[in-house]
Amino acid sequence: TTSSFLDRLRGTGPLTPERARQHGALAVPSAKSHVAG
């Protein structure tokens, strides 16, 4: 809930779920339940 922290992470280093599935990404990087990635 720290806005200055969230601002640094939001939109940073995105990996789309589609690309994660295509690669067969594992664990956290796959982020299957979240769209932003």
Full PDB file with SEQRES, HELIX, SHEET, SSBOND, CRYST1, ORIGX, SCALE, CONECT and MASTER records, all heavy atoms in Angstrom:
SEQRES   1 A   37  THR THR SER SER PHE LEU ASP ARG LEU ARG GLY THR GLY          
SEQRES   2 A   37  PRO LEU THR PRO GLU ARG ALA ARG GLN HIS GLY ALA LEU          
SEQRES   3 A   37  ALA VAL PRO SER ALA LYS SER HIS VAL ALA GLY                  
HELIX    1 AA1 SER A    3  LEU A    9  1                                   7    
HELIX    2 AA2 PRO A   17  HIS A   23  1                                   7    
HELIX    3 AA3 VAL A   28  SER A   30  5                                   3    
CRYST1    1.000    1.000    1.000  90.00  90.00  90.00 P 1           1          
ORIGX1      1.000000  0.000000  0.000000        0.00000                         
ORIGX2      0.000000  1.000000  0.000000        0.00000                         
ORIGX3      0.000000  0.000000  1.000000        0.00000                         
SCALE1      1.000000  0.000000  0.000000        0.00000                         
SCALE2      0.000000  1.000000  0.000000        0.00000                         
SCALE3      0.000000  0.000000  1.000000        0.00000                         
ATOM      1  N   THR A   1       0.832  -1.204   0.000  1.00  0.00           N  
ATOM      2  CA  THR A   1       0.000   0.000   0.000  1.00  0.00           C  
ATOM      3  C   THR A   1       0.871   1.260   0.000  1.00  0.00           C  
ATOM      4  O   THR A   1       0.365   2.355   0.268  1.00  0.00           O  
ATOM      5  CB  THR A   1      -0.934   0.024   1.226  1.00  0.00           C  
ATOM      6  OG1 THR A   1      -0.161  -0.156   2.428  1.00  0.00           O  
ATOM      7  CG2 THR A   1      -1.965  -1.082   1.131  1.00  0.00           C  
ATOM      8  N   THR A   2       2.151   1.085  -0.307  1.00  0.00           N  
ATOM      9  CA  THR A   2       3.078   2.212  -0.413  1.00  0.00           C  
ATOM     10  C   THR A   2       3.127   2.652  -1.875  1.00  0.00           C  
ATOM     11  O   THR A   2       3.697   1.949  -2.720  1.00  0.00           O  
ATOM     12  CB  THR A   2       4.482   1.820   0.079  1.00  0.00           C  
ATOM     13  OG1 THR A   2       4.393   1.367   1.439  1.00  0.00           O  
ATOM     14  CG2 THR A   2       5.439   2.996  -0.006  1.00  0.00           C  
ATOM     15  N   SER A   3       2.537   3.791  -2.165  1.00  0.00           N  
ATOM     16  CA  SER A   3       2.360   4.192  -3.564  1.00  0.00           C  
ATOM     17  C   SER A   3       3.681   4.385  -4.300  1.00  0.00           C  
ATOM     18  O   SER A   3       3.796   4.028  -5.476  1.00  0.00           O  
ATOM     19  CB  SER A   3       1.530   5.475  -3.640  1.00  0.00           C  
ATOM     20  OG  SER A   3       2.155   6.521  -2.913  1.00  0.00           O  
ATOM     21  N   SER A   4       4.698   4.947  -3.622  1.00  0.00           N  
ATOM     22  CA  SER A   4       5.978   5.169  -4.298  1.00  0.00           C  
ATOM     23  C   SER A   4       6.627   3.851  -4.692  1.00  0.00           C  
ATOM     24  O   SER A   4       7.322   3.765  -5.714  1.00  0.00           O  
ATOM     25  CB  SER A   4       6.922   5.970  -3.389  1.00  0.00           C  
ATOM     26  OG  SER A   4       7.201   5.256  -2.194  1.00  0.00           O  
ATOM     27  N   PHE A   5       6.389   2.803  -3.897  1.00  0.00           N  
ATOM     28  CA  PHE A   5       6.926   1.471  -4.217  1.00  0.00           C  
ATOM     29  C   PHE A   5       6.157   0.856  -5.381  1.00  0.00           C  
ATOM     30  O   PHE A   5       6.755   0.337  -6.327  1.00  0.00           O  
ATOM     31  CB  PHE A   5       6.832   0.582  -2.981  1.00  0.00           C  
ATOM     32  CG  PHE A   5       7.285  -0.838  -3.205  1.00  0.00           C  
ATOM     33  CD1 PHE A   5       8.632  -1.146  -3.338  1.00  0.00           C  
ATOM     34  CD2 PHE A   5       6.359  -1.875  -3.276  1.00  0.00           C  
ATOM     35  CE1 PHE A   5       9.048  -2.455  -3.536  1.00  0.00           C  
ATOM     36  CE2 PHE A   5       6.765  -3.178  -3.472  1.00  0.00           C  
ATOM     37  CZ  PHE A   5       8.124  -3.470  -3.603  1.00  0.00           C  
ATOM     38  N   LEU A   6       4.855   0.921  -5.333  1.00  0.00           N  
ATOM     39  CA  LEU A   6       4.030   0.331  -6.392  1.00  0.00           C  
ATOM     40  C   LEU A   6       4.297   0.995  -7.734  1.00  0.00           C  
ATOM     41  O   LEU A   6       4.278   0.331  -8.780  1.00  0.00           O  
ATOM     42  CB  LEU A   6       2.553   0.435  -6.033  1.00  0.00           C  
ATOM     43  CG  LEU A   6       2.110  -0.230  -4.727  1.00  0.00           C  
ATOM     44  CD1 LEU A   6       0.605  -0.075  -4.550  1.00  0.00           C  
ATOM     45  CD2 LEU A   6       2.505  -1.697  -4.695  1.00  0.00           C  
ATOM     46  N   ASP A   7       4.558   2.290  -7.710  1.00  0.00           N  
ATOM     47  CA  ASP A   7       4.828   2.998  -8.961  1.00  0.00           C  
ATOM     48  C   ASP A   7       6.073   2.478  -9.660  1.00  0.00           C  
ATOM     49  O   ASP A   7       6.158   2.507 -10.893  1.00  0.00           O  
ATOM     50  CB  ASP A   7       4.979   4.497  -8.698  1.00  0.00           C  
ATOM     51  CG  ASP A   7       3.652   5.164  -8.376  1.00  0.00           C  
ATOM     52  OD1 ASP A   7       2.608   4.545  -8.642  1.00  0.00           O  
ATOM     53  OD2 ASP A   7       3.668   6.286  -7.844  1.00  0.00           O  
ATOM     54  N   ARG A   8       7.053   2.004  -8.886  1.00  0.00           N  
ATOM     55  CA  ARG A   8       8.286   1.507  -9.492  1.00  0.00           C  
ATOM     56  C   ARG A   8       8.111   0.128 -10.112  1.00  0.00           C  
ATOM     57  O   ARG A   8       8.873  -0.262 -11.008  1.00  0.00           O  
ATOM     58  CB  ARG A   8       9.419   1.444  -8.454  1.00  0.00           C  
ATOM     59  CG  ARG A   8       9.808   2.766  -7.851  1.00  0.00           C  
ATOM     60  CD  ARG A   8      10.146   3.805  -8.901  1.00  0.00           C  
ATOM     61  NE  ARG A   8      11.155   3.366  -9.845  1.00  0.00           N  
ATOM     62  CZ  ARG A   8      12.464   3.533  -9.674  1.00  0.00           C  
ATOM     63  NH1 ARG A   8      12.913   4.143  -8.588  1.00  0.00           N  
ATOM     64  NH2 ARG A   8      13.322   3.120 -10.582  1.00  0.00           N  
ATOM     65  N   LEU A   9       7.118  -0.626  -9.645  1.00  0.00           N  
ATOM     66  CA  LEU A   9       6.914  -1.989 -10.131  1.00  0.00           C  
ATOM     67  C   LEU A   9       5.839  -2.083 -11.211  1.00  0.00           C  
ATOM     68  O   LEU A   9       5.920  -2.938 -12.099  1.00  0.00           O  
ATOM     69  CB  LEU A   9       6.537  -2.919  -8.970  1.00  0.00           C  
ATOM     70  CG  LEU A   9       7.685  -3.579  -8.210  1.00  0.00           C  
ATOM     71  CD1 LEU A   9       8.553  -2.532  -7.503  1.00  0.00           C  
ATOM     72  CD2 LEU A   9       7.146  -4.571  -7.186  1.00  0.00           C  
ATOM     73  N   ARG A  10       4.859  -1.191 -11.131  1.00  0.00           N  
ATOM     74  CA  ARG A  10       3.724  -1.275 -12.060  1.00  0.00           C  
ATOM     75  C   ARG A  10       4.191  -0.996 -13.494  1.00  0.00           C  
ATOM     76  O   ARG A  10       4.802   0.031 -13.778  1.00  0.00           O  
ATOM     77  CB  ARG A  10       2.638  -0.289 -11.662  1.00  0.00           C  
ATOM     78  CG  ARG A  10       1.350  -0.439 -12.470  1.00  0.00           C  
ATOM     79  CD  ARG A  10       0.298   0.536 -11.989  1.00  0.00           C  
ATOM     80  NE  ARG A  10      -0.193   0.190 -10.654  1.00  0.00           N  
ATOM     81  CZ  ARG A  10       0.039   0.902  -9.570  1.00  0.00           C  
ATOM     82  NH1 ARG A  10       0.788   1.998  -9.647  1.00  0.00           N  
ATOM     83  NH2 ARG A  10      -0.458   0.539  -8.399  1.00  0.00           N  
ATOM     84  N   GLY A  11       3.934  -1.935 -14.398  1.00  0.00           N  
ATOM     85  CA  GLY A  11       4.315  -1.785 -15.796  1.00  0.00           C  
ATOM     86  C   GLY A  11       5.779  -2.063 -16.088  1.00  0.00           C  
ATOM     87  O   GLY A  11       6.222  -1.933 -17.232  1.00  0.00           O  
ATOM     88  N   THR A  12       6.540  -2.480 -15.084  1.00  0.00           N  
ATOM     89  CA  THR A  12       7.981  -2.706 -15.237  1.00  0.00           C  
ATOM     90  C   THR A  12       8.267  -4.168 -15.564  1.00  0.00           C  
ATOM     91  O   THR A  12       7.792  -5.066 -14.881  1.00  0.00           O  
ATOM     92  CB  THR A  12       8.720  -2.316 -13.939  1.00  0.00           C  
ATOM     93  OG1 THR A  12       8.492  -0.932 -13.673  1.00  0.00           O  
ATOM     94  CG2 THR A  12      10.208  -2.571 -14.059  1.00  0.00           C  
ATOM     95  N   GLY A  13       9.030  -4.392 -16.617  1.00  0.00           N  
ATOM     96  CA  GLY A  13       9.409  -5.758 -17.000  1.00  0.00           C  
ATOM     97  C   GLY A  13       8.240  -6.659 -17.300  1.00  0.00           C  
ATOM     98  O   GLY A  13       8.170  -7.780 -16.774  1.00  0.00           O  
ATOM     99  N   PRO A  14       7.298  -6.254 -18.154  1.00  0.00           N  
ATOM    100  CA  PRO A  14       6.110  -7.074 -18.389  1.00  0.00           C  
ATOM    101  C   PRO A  14       6.409  -8.347 -19.180  1.00  0.00           C  
ATOM    102  O   PRO A  14       7.183  -8.338 -20.132  1.00  0.00           O  
ATOM    103  CB  PRO A  14       5.194  -6.146 -19.186  1.00  0.00           C  
ATOM    104  CG  PRO A  14       6.130  -5.213 -19.893  1.00  0.00           C  
ATOM    105  CD  PRO A  14       7.281  -5.019 -18.952  1.00  0.00           C  
ATOM    106  N   LEU A  15       5.809  -9.430 -18.742  1.00  0.00           N  
ATOM    107  CA  LEU A  15       5.840 -10.708 -19.465  1.00  0.00           C  
ATOM    108  C   LEU A  15       4.393 -11.164 -19.586  1.00  0.00           C  
ATOM    109  O   LEU A  15       3.787 -11.568 -18.596  1.00  0.00           O  
ATOM    110  CB  LEU A  15       6.671 -11.745 -18.708  1.00  0.00           C  
ATOM    111  CG  LEU A  15       6.752 -13.137 -19.342  1.00  0.00           C  
ATOM    112  CD1 LEU A  15       7.548 -13.096 -20.644  1.00  0.00           C  
ATOM    113  CD2 LEU A  15       7.363 -14.142 -18.377  1.00  0.00           C  
ATOM    114  N   THR A  16       3.844 -11.082 -20.772  1.00  0.00           N  
ATOM    115  CA  THR A  16       2.424 -11.390 -20.945  1.00  0.00           C  
ATOM    116  C   THR A  16       2.157 -12.859 -20.679  1.00  0.00           C  
ATOM    117  O   THR A  16       3.015 -13.718 -20.919  1.00  0.00           O  
ATOM    118  CB  THR A  16       1.953 -11.048 -22.365  1.00  0.00           C  
ATOM    119  OG1 THR A  16       2.620 -11.921 -23.300  1.00  0.00           O  
ATOM    120  CG2 THR A  16       2.266  -9.596 -22.708  1.00  0.00           C  
ATOM    121  N   PRO A  17       0.968 -13.194 -20.175  1.00  0.00           N  
ATOM    122  CA  PRO A  17       0.625 -14.608 -19.974  1.00  0.00           C  
ATOM    123  C   PRO A  17       0.758 -15.427 -21.252  1.00  0.00           C  
ATOM    124  O   PRO A  17       1.160 -16.590 -21.210  1.00  0.00           O  
ATOM    125  CB  PRO A  17      -0.832 -14.536 -19.496  1.00  0.00           C  
ATOM    126  CG  PRO A  17      -0.953 -13.197 -18.852  1.00  0.00           C  
ATOM    127  CD  PRO A  17      -0.074 -12.292 -19.660  1.00  0.00           C  
ATOM    128  N   GLU A  18       0.437 -14.818 -22.387  1.00  0.00           N  
ATOM    129  CA  GLU A  18       0.558 -15.530 -23.662  1.00  0.00           C  
ATOM    130  C   GLU A  18       2.012 -15.915 -23.946  1.00  0.00           C  
ATOM    131  O   GLU A  18       2.313 -17.041 -24.333  1.00  0.00           O  
ATOM    132  CB  GLU A  18       0.014 -14.675 -24.802  1.00  0.00           C  
ATOM    133  CG  GLU A  18       0.110 -15.337 -26.172  1.00  0.00           C  
ATOM    134  CD  GLU A  18      -0.373 -14.437 -27.293  1.00  0.00           C  
ATOM    135  OE1 GLU A  18      -0.736 -13.280 -27.006  1.00  0.00           O  
ATOM    136  OE2 GLU A  18      -0.380 -14.892 -28.446  1.00  0.00           O  
ATOM    137  N   ARG A  19       2.932 -14.957 -23.727  1.00  0.00           N  
ATOM    138  CA  ARG A  19       4.349 -15.241 -23.949  1.00  0.00           C  
ATOM    139  C   ARG A  19       4.866 -16.243 -22.923  1.00  0.00           C  
ATOM    140  O   ARG A  19       5.698 -17.104 -23.249  1.00  0.00           O  
ATOM    141  CB  ARG A  19       5.158 -13.934 -23.862  1.00  0.00           C  
ATOM    142  CG  ARG A  19       6.658 -14.134 -24.105  1.00  0.00           C  
ATOM    143  CD  ARG A  19       6.930 -14.536 -25.543  1.00  0.00           C  
ATOM    144  NE  ARG A  19       8.334 -14.890 -25.742  1.00  0.00           N  
ATOM    145  CZ  ARG A  19       8.809 -16.129 -25.722  1.00  0.00           C  
ATOM    146  NH1 ARG A  19       7.968 -17.155 -25.543  1.00  0.00           N  
ATOM    147  NH2 ARG A  19      10.080 -16.361 -25.913  1.00  0.00           N  
ATOM    148  N   ALA A  20       4.374 -16.154 -21.701  1.00  0.00           N  
ATOM    149  CA  ALA A  20       4.784 -17.105 -20.667  1.00  0.00           C  
ATOM    150  C   ALA A  20       4.363 -18.523 -21.036  1.00  0.00           C  
ATOM    151  O   ALA A  20       5.134 -19.476 -20.880  1.00  0.00           O  
ATOM    152  CB  ALA A  20       4.187 -16.700 -19.324  1.00  0.00           C  
ATOM    153  N   ARG A  21       3.141 -18.664 -21.533  1.00  0.00           N  
ATOM    154  CA  ARG A  21       2.672 -19.989 -21.946  1.00  0.00           C  
ATOM    155  C   ARG A  21       3.463 -20.490 -23.146  1.00  0.00           C  
ATOM    156  O   ARG A  21       3.797 -21.675 -23.233  1.00  0.00           O  
ATOM    157  CB  ARG A  21       1.181 -19.938 -22.275  1.00  0.00           C  
ATOM    158  CG  ARG A  21       0.271 -19.845 -21.063  1.00  0.00           C  
ATOM    159  CD  ARG A  21      -1.175 -20.072 -21.449  1.00  0.00           C  
ATOM    160  NE  ARG A  21      -1.673 -19.005 -22.312  1.00  0.00           N  
ATOM    161  CZ  ARG A  21      -2.244 -17.903 -21.869  1.00  0.00           C  
ATOM    162  NH1 ARG A  21      -2.385 -17.701 -20.571  1.00  0.00           N  
ATOM    163  NH2 ARG A  21      -2.682 -16.982 -22.703  1.00  0.00           N  
ATOM    164  N   GLN A  22       3.756 -19.610 -24.077  1.00  0.00           N  
ATOM    165  CA  GLN A  22       4.508 -19.995 -25.268  1.00  0.00           C  
ATOM    166  C   GLN A  22       5.887 -20.528 -24.901  1.00  0.00           C  
ATOM    167  O   GLN A  22       6.368 -21.503 -25.479  1.00  0.00           O  
ATOM    168  CB  GLN A  22       4.637 -18.788 -26.190  1.00  0.00           C  
ATOM    169  CG  GLN A  22       5.302 -19.080 -27.536  1.00  0.00           C  
ATOM    170  CD  GLN A  22       5.454 -17.808 -28.367  1.00  0.00           C  
ATOM    171  OE1 GLN A  22       5.821 -16.758 -27.841  1.00  0.00           O  
ATOM    172  NE2 GLN A  22       5.175 -17.912 -29.654  1.00  0.00           N  
ATOM    173  N   HIS A  23       6.528 -19.881 -23.931  1.00  0.00           N  
ATOM    174  CA  HIS A  23       7.859 -20.305 -23.494  1.00  0.00           C  
ATOM    175  C   HIS A  23       7.798 -21.499 -22.550  1.00  0.00           C  
ATOM    176  O   HIS A  23       8.775 -22.234 -22.418  1.00  0.00           O  
ATOM    177  CB  HIS A  23       8.565 -19.134 -22.797  1.00  0.00           C  
ATOM    178  CG  HIS A  23       9.945 -19.454 -22.327  1.00  0.00           C  
ATOM    179  ND1 HIS A  23      11.041 -19.447 -23.163  1.00  0.00           N  
ATOM    180  CD2 HIS A  23      10.414 -19.813 -21.103  1.00  0.00           C  
ATOM    181  CE1 HIS A  23      12.127 -19.776 -22.481  1.00  0.00           C  
ATOM    182  NE2 HIS A  23      11.771 -19.995 -21.230  1.00  0.00           N  
ATOM    183  N   GLY A  24       6.665 -21.703 -21.897  1.00  0.00           N  
ATOM    184  CA  GLY A  24       6.592 -22.712 -20.849  1.00  0.00           C  
ATOM    185  C   GLY A  24       7.212 -22.205 -19.571  1.00  0.00           C  
ATOM    186  O   GLY A  24       7.865 -22.956 -18.835  1.00  0.00           O  
ATOM    187  N   ALA A  25       7.029 -20.897 -19.273  1.00  0.00           N  
ATOM    188  CA  ALA A  25       7.632 -20.291 -18.088  1.00  0.00           C  
ATOM    189  C   ALA A  25       7.152 -20.990 -16.828  1.00  0.00           C  
ATOM    190  O   ALA A  25       6.027 -21.490 -16.751  1.00  0.00           O  
ATOM    191  CB  ALA A  25       7.290 -18.802 -18.036  1.00  0.00           C  
ATOM    192  N   LEU A  26       8.028 -21.002 -15.824  1.00  0.00           N  
ATOM    193  CA  LEU A  26       7.775 -21.749 -14.600  1.00  0.00           C  
ATOM    194  C   LEU A  26       7.480 -20.813 -13.440  1.00  0.00           C  
ATOM    195  O   LEU A  26       8.018 -19.710 -13.355  1.00  0.00           O  
ATOM    196  CB  LEU A  26       8.983 -22.619 -14.254  1.00  0.00           C  
ATOM    197  CG  LEU A  26       9.461 -23.549 -15.369  1.00  0.00           C  
ATOM    198  CD1 LEU A  26      10.767 -24.214 -14.979  1.00  0.00           C  
ATOM    199  CD2 LEU A  26       8.398 -24.599 -15.688  1.00  0.00           C  
ATOM    200  N   ALA A  27       6.640 -21.276 -12.515  1.00  0.00           N  
ATOM    201  CA  ALA A  27       6.381 -20.624 -11.239  1.00  0.00           C  
ATOM    202  C   ALA A  27       5.968 -19.174 -11.410  1.00  0.00           C  
ATOM    203  O   ALA A  27       5.154 -18.842 -12.263  1.00  0.00           O  
ATOM    204  CB  ALA A  27       7.597 -20.755 -10.317  1.00  0.00           C  
ATOM    205  N   VAL A  28       6.569 -18.278 -10.609  1.00  0.00           N  
ATOM    206  CA  VAL A  28       6.124 -16.888 -10.542  1.00  0.00           C  
ATOM    207  C   VAL A  28       6.142 -16.167 -11.895  1.00  0.00           C  
ATOM    208  O   VAL A  28       5.203 -15.448 -12.220  1.00  0.00           O  
ATOM    209  CB  VAL A  28       6.961 -16.114  -9.497  1.00  0.00           C  
ATOM    210  CG1 VAL A  28       6.628 -14.641  -9.528  1.00  0.00           C  
ATOM    211  CG2 VAL A  28       6.687 -16.683  -8.101  1.00  0.00           C  
ATOM    212  N   PRO A  29       7.219 -16.306 -12.713  1.00  0.00           N  
ATOM    213  CA  PRO A  29       7.198 -15.585 -14.012  1.00  0.00           C  
ATOM    214  C   PRO A  29       6.030 -15.938 -14.929  1.00  0.00           C  
ATOM    215  O   PRO A  29       5.714 -15.174 -15.841  1.00  0.00           O  
ATOM    216  CB  PRO A  29       8.533 -15.977 -14.641  1.00  0.00           C  
ATOM    217  CG  PRO A  29       9.414 -16.247 -13.492  1.00  0.00           C  
ATOM    218  CD  PRO A  29       8.516 -16.927 -12.480  1.00  0.00           C  
ATOM    219  N   SER A  30       5.421 -17.109 -14.709  1.00  0.00           N  
ATOM    220  CA  SER A  30       4.296 -17.476 -15.572  1.00  0.00           C  
ATOM    221  C   SER A  30       3.064 -16.612 -15.304  1.00  0.00           C  
ATOM    222  O   SER A  30       2.297 -16.311 -16.209  1.00  0.00           O  
ATOM    223  CB  SER A  30       3.939 -18.954 -15.381  1.00  0.00           C  
ATOM    224  OG  SER A  30       3.442 -19.190 -14.071  1.00  0.00           O  
ATOM    225  N   ALA A  31       2.861 -16.225 -14.029  1.00  0.00           N  
ATOM    226  CA  ALA A  31       1.780 -15.296 -13.650  1.00  0.00           C  
ATOM    227  C   ALA A  31       0.461 -15.617 -14.352  1.00  0.00           C  
ATOM    228  O   ALA A  31      -0.177 -14.753 -14.925  1.00  0.00           O  
ATOM    229  CB  ALA A  31       2.198 -13.861 -13.934  1.00  0.00           C  
ATOM    230  N   LYS A  32       0.054 -16.872 -14.303  1.00  0.00           N  
ATOM    231  CA  LYS A  32      -1.114 -17.294 -15.081  1.00  0.00           C  
ATOM    232  C   LYS A  32      -2.421 -16.641 -14.615  1.00  0.00           C  
ATOM    233  O   LYS A  32      -3.344 -16.493 -15.398  1.00  0.00           O  
ATOM    234  CB  LYS A  32      -1.234 -18.816 -15.009  1.00  0.00           C  
ATOM    235  CG  LYS A  32      -0.081 -19.539 -15.690  1.00  0.00           C  
ATOM    236  CD  LYS A  32      -0.222 -21.053 -15.578  1.00  0.00           C  
ATOM    237  CE  LYS A  32       0.915 -21.778 -16.259  1.00  0.00           C  
ATOM    238  NZ  LYS A  32       0.834 -23.234 -16.122  1.00  0.00           N  
ATOM    239  N   SER A  33      -2.478 -16.267 -13.342  1.00  0.00           N  
ATOM    240  CA  SER A  33      -3.725 -15.720 -12.825  1.00  0.00           C  
ATOM    241  C   SER A  33      -3.800 -14.199 -12.931  1.00  0.00           C  
ATOM    242  O   SER A  33      -4.762 -13.596 -12.477  1.00  0.00           O  
ATOM    243  CB  SER A  33      -3.881 -16.132 -11.352  1.00  0.00           C  
ATOM    244  OG  SER A  33      -2.792 -15.646 -10.579  1.00  0.00           O  
ATOM    245  N   HIS A  34      -2.775 -13.572 -13.530  1.00  0.00           N  
ATOM    246  CA  HIS A  34      -2.749 -12.117 -13.632  1.00  0.00           C  
ATOM    247  C   HIS A  34      -2.447 -11.721 -15.069  1.00  0.00           C  
ATOM    248  O   HIS A  34      -1.594 -12.304 -15.725  1.00  0.00           O  
ATOM    249  CB  HIS A  34      -1.698 -11.533 -12.695  1.00  0.00           C  
ATOM    250  CG  HIS A  34      -1.948 -11.849 -11.250  1.00  0.00           C  
ATOM    251  ND1 HIS A  34      -2.728 -11.059 -10.445  1.00  0.00           N  
ATOM    252  CD2 HIS A  34      -1.536 -12.887 -10.468  1.00  0.00           C  
ATOM    253  CE1 HIS A  34      -2.777 -11.579  -9.226  1.00  0.00           C  
ATOM    254  NE2 HIS A  34      -2.061 -12.687  -9.220  1.00  0.00           N  
ATOM    255  N   VAL A  35      -3.102 -10.690 -15.546  1.00  0.00           N  
ATOM    256  CA  VAL A  35      -2.989 -10.297 -16.944  1.00  0.00           C  
ATOM    257  C   VAL A  35      -1.748  -9.453 -17.203  1.00  0.00           C  
ATOM    258  O   VAL A  35      -1.075  -9.615 -18.212  1.00  0.00           O  
ATOM    259  CB  VAL A  35      -4.256  -9.534 -17.384  1.00  0.00           C  
ATOM    260  CG1 VAL A  35      -4.104  -9.032 -18.811  1.00  0.00           C  
ATOM    261  CG2 VAL A  35      -5.482 -10.440 -17.273  1.00  0.00           C  
ATOM    262  N   ALA A  36      -1.416  -8.532 -16.299  1.00  0.00           N  
ATOM    263  CA  ALA A  36      -0.355  -7.565 -16.570  1.00  0.00           C  
ATOM    264  C   ALA A  36       1.008  -8.215 -16.756  1.00  0.00           C  
ATOM    265  O   ALA A  36       1.771  -7.852 -17.647  1.00  0.00           O  
ATOM    266  CB  ALA A  36      -0.294  -6.535 -15.450  1.00  0.00           C  
ATOM    267  N   GLY A  37       1.359  -9.182 -15.909  1.00  0.00           N  
ATOM    268  CA  GLY A  37       2.625  -9.897 -16.040  1.00  0.00           C  
ATOM    269  C   GLY A  37       3.848  -9.058 -15.742  1.00  0.00           C  
ATOM    270  O   GLY A  37       4.951  -9.401 -16.160  1.00  0.00           O  
TER     271      GLY A  37                                                      
MASTER        0    0    0    3    0    0    0    6  270    1    0    3          
END                                                                             
